[in-house]
C-alpha atoms as a PDB file:
ATOM      1  CA  LEU A   1      -0.022   0.036   0.019  1.00  0.00           C
ATOM      2  CA  SER A   2       1.172   3.454  -0.792  1.00  0.00           C
ATOM      3  CA  ALA A   3       1.705   5.888   2.025  1.00  0.00           C
ATOM      4  CA  HIS A   4      -1.046   8.149   0.474  1.00  0.00           C
ATOM      5  CA  TYR A   5      -3.503   5.403   0.584  1.00  0.00           C
ATOM      6  CA  ALA A   6      -2.803   4.589   4.199  1.00  0.00           C
ATOM      7  CA  ILE A   7      -3.158   8.268   5.207  1.00  0.00           C
ATOM      8  CA  GLU A   8      -6.473   8.548   3.393  1.00  0.00           C
ATOM      9  CA  GLU A   9      -7.686   5.312   5.033  1.00  0.00           C
ATOM     10  CA  ALA A  10      -6.642   6.562   8.499  1.00  0.00           C
ATOM     11  CA  ARG A  11      -8.424   9.920   7.893  1.00  0.00           C
ATOM     12  CA  SER A  12     -11.538   8.180   6.775  1.00  0.00           C
ATOM     13  CA  LEU A  13     -11.619   5.765   9.786  1.00  0.00           C
ATOM     14  CA  ALA A  14     -10.904   8.754  12.126  1.00  0.00           C
ATOM     15  CA  LYS A  15     -13.987  10.646  10.583  1.00  0.00           C
ATOM     16  CA  TYR A  16     -16.311   7.544  10.836  1.00  0.00           C
ATOM     17  CA  ALA A  17     -15.106   7.088  14.438  1.00  0.00           C
ATOM     18  CA  LEU A  18     -15.819  10.655  15.404  1.00  0.00           C
ATOM     19  CA  LEU A  19     -19.376  10.416  13.641  1.00  0.00           C
ATOM     20  CA  HIS A  20     -20.015   7.244  15.535  1.00  0.00           C
ATOM     21  CA  VAL A  21     -19.021   8.603  19.036  1.00  0.00           C
ATOM     22  CA  LEU A  22     -21.087  11.843  18.388  1.00  0.00           C
ATOM     23  CA  GLY A  23     -24.061  10.204  16.819  1.00  0.00           C
ATOM     24  CA  ILE A  24     -24.152  12.927  14.136  1.00  0.00           C
ATOM     25  CA  SER A  25     -24.229  13.134  10.317  1.00  0.00           C
ATOM     26  CA  PRO A  26     -21.249  14.270   8.310  1.00  0.00           C
ATOM     27  CA  VAL A  27     -22.935  17.590   7.643  1.00  0.00           C
ATOM     28  CA  LYS A  28     -23.166  18.389  11.388  1.00  0.00           C
ATOM     29  CA  LEU A  29     -19.500  17.525  11.745  1.00  0.00           C
ATOM     30  CA  LEU A  30     -18.617  20.284   9.216  1.00  0.00           C
ATOM     31  CA  MET A  31     -20.635  22.825  11.457  1.00  0.00           C
ATOM     32  CA  GLY A  32     -18.268  22.347  14.328  1.00  0.00           C
ATOM     33  CA  VAL A  33     -18.875  20.289  17.439  1.00  0.00           C
ATOM     34  CA  LYS A  34     -17.461  20.004  21.050  1.00  0.00           C
ATOM     35  CA  LEU A  35     -16.709  16.700  22.557  1.00  0.00           C
ATOM     36  CA  SER A  36     -17.594  15.897  26.088  1.00  0.00           C
ATOM     37  CA  GLU A  37     -14.995  14.304  28.285  1.00  0.00           C
ATOM     38  CA  GLN A  38     -16.811  10.944  27.940  1.00  0.00           C
ATOM     39  CA  GLN A  39     -17.031  11.199  24.158  1.00  0.00           C
ATOM     40  CA  LEU A  40     -13.294  12.042  24.029  1.00  0.00           C
ATOM     41  CA  ASN A  41     -12.412   9.033  26.220  1.00  0.00           C
ATOM     42  CA  TYR A  42     -14.574   6.757  23.911  1.00  0.00           C
ATOM     43  CA  LEU A  43     -12.857   8.199  20.866  1.00  0.00           C
ATOM     44  CA  SER A  44      -9.604   7.621  22.418  1.00  0.00           C
ATOM     45  CA  GLY A  45     -10.435   3.988  22.966  1.00  0.00           C
ATOM     46  CA  ILE A  46     -11.664   3.405  19.516  1.00  0.00           C
ATOM     47  CA  VAL A  47      -8.459   4.955  18.078  1.00  0.00           C
ATOM     48  CA  GLY A  48      -6.346   2.713  20.396  1.00  0.00           C
ATOM     49  CA  ARG A  49      -8.023  -0.301  18.938  1.00  0.00           C
ATOM     50  CA  LEU A  50      -7.695   0.904  15.323  1.00  0.00           C
ATOM     51  CA  ILE A  51      -3.954   1.280  15.981  1.00  0.00           C
ATOM     52  CA  ARG A  52      -3.967  -2.322  16.919  1.00  0.00           C
ATOM     53  CA  HIS A  53      -5.556  -3.034  13.518  1.00  0.00           C
ATOM     54  CA  GLU A  54      -8.972  -4.139  14.824  1.00  0.00           C
ATOM     55  CA  PRO A  55     -11.521  -3.735  12.216  1.00  0.00           C
ATOM     56  CA  PHE A  56     -13.674  -0.619  12.723  1.00  0.00           C
ATOM     57  CA  GLN A  57     -16.883  -2.578  12.384  1.00  0.00           C
ATOM     58  CA  TYR A  58     -16.093  -4.875  15.197  1.00  0.00           C
ATOM     59  CA  ILE A  59     -15.153  -1.970  17.440  1.00  0.00           C
ATOM     60  CA  VAL A  60     -18.488  -0.201  16.899  1.00  0.00           C
ATOM     61  CA  GLY A  61     -20.402  -3.532  16.709  1.00  0.00           C
ATOM     62  CA  GLU A  62     -22.091  -2.785  13.415  1.00  0.00           C
ATOM     63  CA  ALA A  63     -21.615  -2.465   9.662  1.00  0.00           C
ATOM     64  CA  GLU A  64     -23.802  -1.105   6.928  1.00  0.00           C
ATOM     65  CA  PHE A  65     -24.809  -3.408   4.105  1.00  0.00           C
ATOM     66  CA  TYR A  66     -27.041  -2.269   1.233  1.00  0.00           C
ATOM     67  CA  GLY A  67     -28.535   0.393   3.509  1.00  0.00           C
ATOM     68  CA  MET A  68     -29.045  -2.001   6.397  1.00  0.00           C
ATOM     69  CA  ARG A  69     -27.225  -1.767   9.775  1.00  0.00           C
ATOM     70  CA  ILE A  70     -26.116  -5.257  10.674  1.00  0.00           C
ATOM     71  CA  ARG A  71     -24.587  -6.247  14.141  1.00  0.00           C
ATOM     72  CA  VAL A  72     -21.104  -7.740  13.788  1.00  0.00           C
ATOM     73  CA  GLY A  73     -18.312  -8.938  15.966  1.00  0.00           C
ATOM     74  CA  PRO A  74     -15.130 -11.140  15.775  1.00  0.00           C
ATOM     75  CA  GLY A  75     -17.270 -14.368  15.932  1.00  0.00           C
END
């Protein structure tokens, strides 16, 4: 993988993680938000797990598939 691809993938995962923690749409994110201490701790935990190469879908417990949210996990 190229470094550019890896950076773009990391940026995308960070955005999805932040949207998940805040429970907001991408549009609201652009408007500017403030994280509570609890949200910041949760986001920090997600980032730590991503650094250990755990799939994002496992971390948040769901994946989107053809417009449906499906519960997922390692098993």
